[in-house]
Protein backbone atom coordinates (compact mmCIF):
# COMPACT_ATOMS: atom_id res chain seq x y z
CA MET A 1 -34.19 -15.09 35.77
CA SER A 2 -33.41 -14.14 39.48
CA ASN A 3 -29.67 -15.40 39.44
CA ILE A 4 -28.49 -13.31 36.56
CA ILE A 5 -25.26 -11.43 37.80
CA PRO A 6 -25.66 -8.18 37.61
CA PHE A 7 -23.91 -6.00 34.83
CA THR A 8 -20.65 -4.43 35.95
CA GLU A 9 -17.80 -2.66 34.20
CA ALA A 10 -15.15 -5.14 32.55
CA GLY A 11 -12.66 -4.25 35.35
CA THR A 12 -15.04 -6.32 37.98
CA LEU A 13 -15.73 -9.34 35.42
CA PRO A 14 -16.37 -12.36 36.63
CA ALA A 15 -13.63 -15.09 36.39
CA HIS A 16 -15.78 -17.45 34.58
CA LEU A 17 -16.25 -14.86 31.74
CA ARG A 18 -12.15 -13.87 31.19
CA ALA A 19 -12.36 -15.95 28.02
CA PHE A 20 -14.92 -13.45 26.62
CA THR A 21 -13.16 -10.33 26.97
CA THR A 22 -12.40 -7.95 24.32
CA ASP A 23 -11.58 -4.65 23.46
CA VAL A 24 -13.02 -4.61 19.65
CA ASN A 25 -16.34 -3.96 18.57
CA GLU A 26 -17.65 -7.53 17.61
CA PHE A 27 -20.41 -5.83 15.14
CA GLY A 28 -18.12 -3.48 13.20
CA GLY A 29 -17.43 0.01 13.44
CA GLY A 30 -14.30 -0.19 15.35
CA GLY A 31 -11.68 -1.13 13.47
CA ILE A 32 -7.69 -1.65 15.20
CA ALA A 33 -7.41 1.03 18.00
CA TYR A 34 -4.19 2.36 18.04
CA PRO A 35 -2.51 5.62 19.48
CA VAL A 36 -1.97 8.87 17.33
CA ILE A 37 0.77 11.16 17.87
CA SER A 38 -1.22 14.75 18.08
CA LEU A 39 1.08 18.12 16.92
CA LYS A 40 -1.57 20.33 17.84
CA GLY A 41 0.31 23.65 19.13
CA LYS A 42 3.63 22.27 18.24
CA VAL A 43 3.52 20.48 21.02
CA PHE A 44 3.97 16.41 20.81
CA THR A 45 0.75 14.50 22.86
CA VAL A 46 0.17 10.74 22.56
CA VAL A 47 -3.83 10.31 22.26
CA ARG A 48 -5.05 6.90 23.22
CA GLY A 49 -8.95 6.80 22.98
CA LYS A 50 -9.97 9.69 25.16
CA GLU A 51 -6.76 9.94 27.28
CA LYS A 52 -4.11 12.27 26.19
CA THR A 53 -0.77 12.57 27.31
CA LEU A 54 1.92 15.29 26.48
CA ILE A 55 5.33 14.12 25.66
CA THR A 56 7.76 16.20 27.97
CA LYS A 57 11.68 16.49 28.07
CA PRO A 58 13.51 13.82 29.82
CA GLY A 59 13.33 14.51 33.62
CA SER A 60 10.91 17.13 33.38
CA ASP A 61 7.14 16.63 34.11
CA ASP A 62 5.37 19.59 32.56
CA GLU A 63 7.99 20.95 29.80
CA PRO A 64 7.00 19.88 26.70
CA ALA A 65 9.58 17.81 24.64
CA THR A 66 10.59 19.56 21.22
CA SER A 67 11.67 16.37 19.25
CA LEU A 68 10.90 12.80 19.73
CA GLU A 69 13.50 9.58 18.71
CA LEU A 70 11.24 7.29 16.66
CA VAL A 71 12.17 4.22 14.48
CA ILE A 72 9.65 4.87 11.59
CA LEU A 73 8.54 1.16 11.02
CA ASP A 74 6.66 1.71 7.82
CA VAL A 75 4.80 4.19 5.71
CA GLY A 76 1.35 4.42 3.65
CA PRO A 77 0.78 5.27 1.19
CA LYS A 78 3.37 4.30 -1.08
CA GLY A 79 5.14 6.27 -3.26
CA ASN A 80 3.69 9.37 -4.61
CA LEU A 81 0.30 8.64 -3.45
CA TYR A 82 -1.08 10.50 -0.20
CA ALA A 83 -3.62 9.73 2.31
CA LYS A 84 -6.65 12.22 1.82
CA THR A 85 -9.25 14.09 4.20
CA PHE A 86 -12.05 15.86 3.99
CA TYR A 87 -14.14 17.93 5.95
CA ALA A 88 -17.57 19.71 4.61
CA ASN A 89 -17.43 22.47 6.89
CA GLY A 90 -13.79 22.64 7.17
CA TYR A 91 -11.06 20.93 9.71
CA VAL A 92 -11.25 22.53 13.39
CA GLU A 93 -7.86 21.88 15.16
CA GLY A 94 -7.73 19.21 17.84
CA SER A 95 -11.07 17.96 16.95
CA SER A 96 -11.98 13.99 16.75
CA ALA A 97 -14.38 14.36 14.48
CA LYS A 98 -14.53 11.86 11.47
CA PRO A 99 -14.06 13.65 8.11
CA ASP A 100 -17.24 13.75 5.63
CA CYS A 101 -14.80 11.94 3.17
CA TYR A 102 -11.22 9.95 3.35
CA SER A 103 -9.13 7.60 1.89
CA ASP A 104 -6.20 5.51 3.15
CA ASP A 105 -4.84 4.52 -0.31
CA GLY A 106 -5.11 8.28 -2.23
CA VAL A 107 -6.46 5.93 -4.86
CA SER A 108 -10.56 6.33 -3.95
CA PRO A 109 -12.47 6.84 -0.85
CA ALA A 110 -12.73 4.56 2.16
CA PRO A 111 -15.80 1.98 1.73
CA ASP A 112 -17.14 3.45 5.32
CA ALA A 113 -16.19 7.35 4.11
CA ALA A 114 -19.98 9.16 5.13
CA ASN A 115 -20.24 11.07 2.32
CA LYS A 116 -17.77 10.17 -0.87
CA GLN A 117 -17.26 13.16 -3.14
CA ALA A 118 -16.08 11.56 -6.09
CA SER A 119 -15.49 8.01 -7.07
CA LYS A 120 -11.89 8.82 -7.53
CA CYS A 121 -9.42 10.90 -5.83
CA ALA A 122 -7.94 12.11 -9.03
CA LEU A 123 -11.30 13.67 -10.54
CA CYS A 124 -12.58 14.85 -7.11
CA PRO A 125 -13.47 18.50 -7.12
CA GLN A 126 -11.99 18.87 -3.46
CA ASN A 127 -8.82 17.45 -4.74
CA ALA A 128 -8.36 20.35 -7.17
CA VAL A 129 -5.78 23.26 -6.67
CA GLY A 130 -7.57 26.43 -5.09
CA SER A 131 -10.89 24.17 -3.74
CA GLY A 132 -9.82 25.30 -0.53
CA ALA A 133 -8.25 28.42 -1.22
CA THR A 134 -7.30 30.83 1.69
CA SER A 135 -5.75 34.37 2.03
CA GLN A 136 -2.71 32.86 3.09
CA ASN A 137 -2.82 30.00 0.22
CA PRO A 138 -4.61 30.70 -2.61
CA LYS A 139 -3.66 27.11 -3.97
CA ALA A 140 -4.58 25.29 -1.29
CA LYS A 141 -6.76 22.20 -1.61
CA ALA A 142 -10.22 21.80 0.50
CA CYS A 143 -9.14 17.74 0.68
CA ARG A 144 -5.77 17.66 3.14
CA SER A 145 -2.86 14.89 1.84
CA SER A 146 -0.73 13.32 4.17
CA LYS A 147 1.56 10.56 4.88
CA LEU A 148 0.52 7.91 7.58
CA LEU A 149 3.90 6.85 9.27
CA ALA A 150 3.46 3.70 11.65
CA VAL A 151 6.37 4.88 14.37
CA ALA A 152 7.42 3.55 18.16
CA PRO A 153 10.02 5.12 20.44
CA ALA A 154 13.27 4.25 20.14
CA GLY A 155 12.84 2.89 23.54
CA LYS A 156 9.77 1.00 23.15
CA ILE A 157 9.44 -0.88 19.52
CA SER A 158 6.46 -2.75 20.82
CA ASP A 159 4.35 0.11 21.17
CA PRO A 160 3.54 1.35 17.36
CA MET A 161 1.08 4.46 16.74
CA LEU A 162 0.51 6.52 14.17
CA LEU A 163 2.03 9.87 13.03
CA ARG A 164 0.36 11.84 10.23
CA VAL A 165 2.43 13.84 8.48
CA PRO A 166 0.44 17.01 7.19
CA GLY A 167 1.05 17.93 3.38
CA GLY A 168 2.89 20.73 4.47
CA SER A 169 5.64 18.50 5.82
CA THR A 170 5.83 15.71 2.86
CA LYS A 171 8.72 17.97 1.11
CA ALA A 172 10.79 17.23 4.13
CA LEU A 173 9.61 13.78 4.54
CA ARG A 174 10.59 13.68 0.99
CA GLU A 175 14.02 14.84 1.26
CA TYR A 176 14.56 12.82 4.24
CA GLY A 177 13.94 9.59 1.91
CA ASP A 178 16.15 10.59 -0.83
CA PHE A 179 19.05 10.93 2.47
CA LEU A 180 18.24 7.55 3.10
CA ALA A 181 18.24 6.10 -0.39
CA ASN A 182 21.30 7.88 -1.33
CA ARG A 183 22.87 5.81 1.46
CA GLY A 184 21.39 2.70 0.76
CA VAL A 185 19.12 2.50 3.96
CA LYS A 186 15.34 1.78 5.06
CA ALA A 187 14.06 4.15 7.49
CA ALA A 188 13.48 1.27 9.93
CA ALA A 189 17.15 0.75 10.17
CA VAL A 190 17.48 4.12 11.77
CA VAL A 191 16.27 6.16 14.68
CA THR A 192 14.79 9.20 13.39
CA LYS A 193 14.62 12.82 15.23
CA VAL A 194 11.61 14.25 14.52
CA GLY A 195 11.06 17.80 15.59
CA PHE A 196 9.43 21.13 14.77
CA ASP A 197 9.97 23.60 12.22
CA TYR A 198 10.10 27.04 14.14
CA THR A 199 10.82 29.21 11.01
CA VAL A 200 6.84 28.85 10.36
CA ALA A 201 3.55 29.24 12.19
CA HIS A 202 1.82 26.07 11.12
CA PRO A 203 3.15 22.57 13.20
CA ALA A 204 5.61 21.61 10.02
CA LEU A 205 8.06 18.59 11.24
CA THR A 206 11.71 18.00 10.45
CA PHE A 207 13.64 14.60 10.31
CA LYS A 208 17.27 13.89 11.34
CA ALA A 209 18.86 10.52 11.23
CA ILE A 210 20.75 10.19 14.22
CA GLY A 211 21.88 6.25 14.33
CA PHE A 212 21.17 2.66 13.62
CA VAL A 213 19.24 0.51 15.82
CA THR A 214 20.93 -2.11 17.63
CA PRO A 215 20.40 -5.74 16.56
CA GLU A 216 18.26 -6.50 19.21
CA MET A 217 16.11 -3.46 18.06
CA ALA A 218 16.14 -4.50 14.43
CA ALA A 219 15.16 -8.46 15.44
CA GLU A 220 12.04 -7.03 17.44
CA ILE A 221 11.36 -4.28 14.16
CA GLN A 222 11.16 -6.85 11.88
CA GLN A 223 8.50 -8.38 13.87
CA VAL A 224 6.26 -5.59 14.64
CA ARG A 225 6.45 -4.31 11.35
CA GLU A 226 4.73 -7.28 9.85
CA THR A 227 1.52 -7.30 12.55
CA PRO A 228 -2.24 -5.97 12.09
CA LEU A 229 -1.63 -3.23 14.13
CA VAL A 230 0.92 -1.46 12.16
CA LYS A 231 -1.04 -2.47 8.92
CA ALA A 232 -4.13 -0.59 10.12
CA ILE A 233 -2.09 2.66 11.04
CA ILE A 234 -0.52 2.95 7.56
CA GLY A 235 -4.02 2.03 6.00
CA ASP A 236 -2.68 -1.03 4.32
CA LYS A 237 -5.97 -3.31 3.57
CA THR A 238 -3.74 -6.34 2.11
CA THR A 239 -5.05 -9.82 3.25
CA LEU A 240 -3.18 -12.83 2.59
CA ALA A 241 -6.40 -13.99 0.52
CA ASP A 242 -5.47 -10.92 -1.69
CA VAL A 243 -1.84 -12.36 -1.78
CA GLU A 244 -2.94 -15.76 -2.75
CA VAL A 245 -5.02 -14.73 -5.76
CA GLU A 246 -2.19 -13.62 -7.88
CA GLU A 247 -0.65 -17.49 -7.59
CA PRO A 248 -2.86 -18.66 -10.63
CA PHE A 249 -1.11 -16.23 -12.85
CA ASP A 250 2.26 -17.24 -12.49
CA ALA A 251 1.05 -20.88 -13.71
CA GLU A 252 -0.01 -19.18 -17.03
CA PRO A 253 2.85 -20.23 -19.06
CA VAL A 254 2.84 -24.16 -18.32
CA PRO A 255 -0.86 -24.10 -19.83
CA ALA A 256 0.37 -22.05 -22.97
CA ALA A 257 3.58 -24.72 -23.63
CA THR A 258 0.98 -27.35 -23.80
CA HIS A 259 -1.32 -25.60 -26.55
CA LYS A 260 1.83 -25.17 -28.28
CA GLU A 261 2.34 -28.82 -28.57
CA GLU A 262 -1.25 -29.67 -29.43
CA VAL A 263 -1.05 -27.20 -32.29
CA ALA A 264 2.07 -28.32 -33.32
CA GLU A 265 0.88 -31.97 -33.86
CA PRO A 266 -1.20 -31.45 -37.16
CA VAL A 267 2.04 -30.12 -38.88
CA PRO A 268 3.93 -33.44 -39.47
CA ALA A 269 0.51 -35.48 -40.62
CA LYS A 270 -0.28 -32.60 -43.22
CA ALA A 271 3.49 -32.92 -44.57
CA LYS A 272 3.09 -36.54 -45.32
CA THR A 273 -0.10 -36.28 -46.91
CA LYS A 274 1.34 -34.05 -50.01
CA PRO A 275 4.62 -35.37 -50.85
CA ALA A 276 2.74 -38.41 -52.95
CA PRO A 277 1.49 -36.37 -55.73
CA VAL A 278 4.65 -34.76 -55.82
CA GLU A 279 6.82 -37.74 -56.30
CA ALA A 280 4.50 -39.30 -58.76
CA ARG A 281 5.98 -36.31 -61.50
CA PRO A 282 9.39 -36.55 -60.96
CA ALA A 283 10.51 -35.77 -64.35
CA LYS A 284 8.38 -32.19 -64.09
CA THR A 285 10.41 -31.70 -60.92
CA GLU A 286 13.32 -31.43 -63.07
CA THR A 287 12.40 -29.48 -65.98
CA GLY A 288 10.52 -26.45 -64.19
CA ASP A 289 10.42 -24.40 -61.03
CA ALA A 290 6.54 -25.00 -60.16
CA PRO A 291 6.89 -28.53 -59.12
CA VAL A 292 9.79 -27.65 -57.06
CA THR A 293 7.82 -24.59 -55.75
CA LYS A 294 5.29 -26.67 -54.83
CA LYS A 295 7.61 -29.21 -52.95
CA SER A 296 9.42 -26.76 -51.00
CA LYS A 297 6.43 -24.35 -50.34
CA PRO A 298 4.50 -26.58 -47.72
CA ALA A 299 7.61 -26.48 -44.98
CA PRO A 300 8.49 -23.45 -44.67
CA VAL A 301 4.74 -21.79 -45.02
CA GLU A 302 3.53 -24.22 -42.44
CA VAL A 303 6.59 -23.52 -40.25
CA ASP A 304 5.62 -19.49 -40.40
CA ALA A 305 2.05 -19.75 -39.56
CA ASP A 306 2.96 -21.97 -36.61
CA ASP A 307 5.32 -19.19 -35.80
CA ASP A 308 2.58 -16.33 -36.06
CA LEU A 309 0.46 -19.04 -34.46
CA GLU A 310 2.58 -19.18 -31.28
CA SER A 311 3.09 -15.62 -31.41
CA ALA A 312 -0.44 -14.41 -31.67
CA LEU A 313 -0.97 -17.21 -28.70
CA ASP A 314 1.82 -15.79 -26.64
CA ALA A 315 0.26 -12.31 -26.68
CA LEU A 316 -3.16 -12.96 -26.17
CA ASP A 317 -1.72 -15.24 -23.16
CA PHE A 318 0.19 -11.91 -22.17
CA ASP A 319 -2.66 -9.67 -22.23
CA ASP A 320 -5.12 -11.84 -20.41
């Protein structure tokens, strides 16, 4: 076709094709792109794709900033779990190469990990103490642990980015978490000063609360925290469909109660069929305990059996 328009860069896309613009790989593998804060050389650098921007001190164009004022929007994985990263040939500082194996939840390798080392992180030999031993640290693991923080500059909440807290700084992060928890506040409610610990050779981080966020910031933080971008940064794979699957379990007590009523109906019917032979021998009822026992026995036995059945059903429903 001679009238085909020559292919050019997206920046000069014809006006009639503006509806077809995108920065996401439609055929997979691209994922959601987000900026990352690099700690290489104890210098804060924001990496956006192939572009790297040095974060400098206010009023300076070339003097690196020694700390950042950030809002920690969210963290992953939660609790005592840690993200995992393994490079078969060792990690090269500043390298953008993908790891051989990694996990965002610290439980099992990611589905797209190129060279999975085990089915579960807890069973992985690369996650064993001493698997990555060095002369400086004989207990080091070959698989690196970290926490994934979704953070945003205090002055630009709408620009979330990843701050990967290395294993050597997770203790400081936990202590900061205790500090906030003891005061009954989440990290997203305060502006946190993140700096470097200059008493050690490797890039270790420090955390300090410097103030509460403003009402306007709080409203924006709540909105940004729920965006797919922040979820992607912390490795959260939860979807709406996953949440909806749990709803039927909340309804289980209803069918259980219906079943109890169905079981209870035959009990009165059985009780009505047995009094006839007992009433046909009233004299013996007064002279001996046996007829009395026969007459009184069905009620407690049937009630006990019914209670046992209810307990068994309740237990079965619970286990299921």
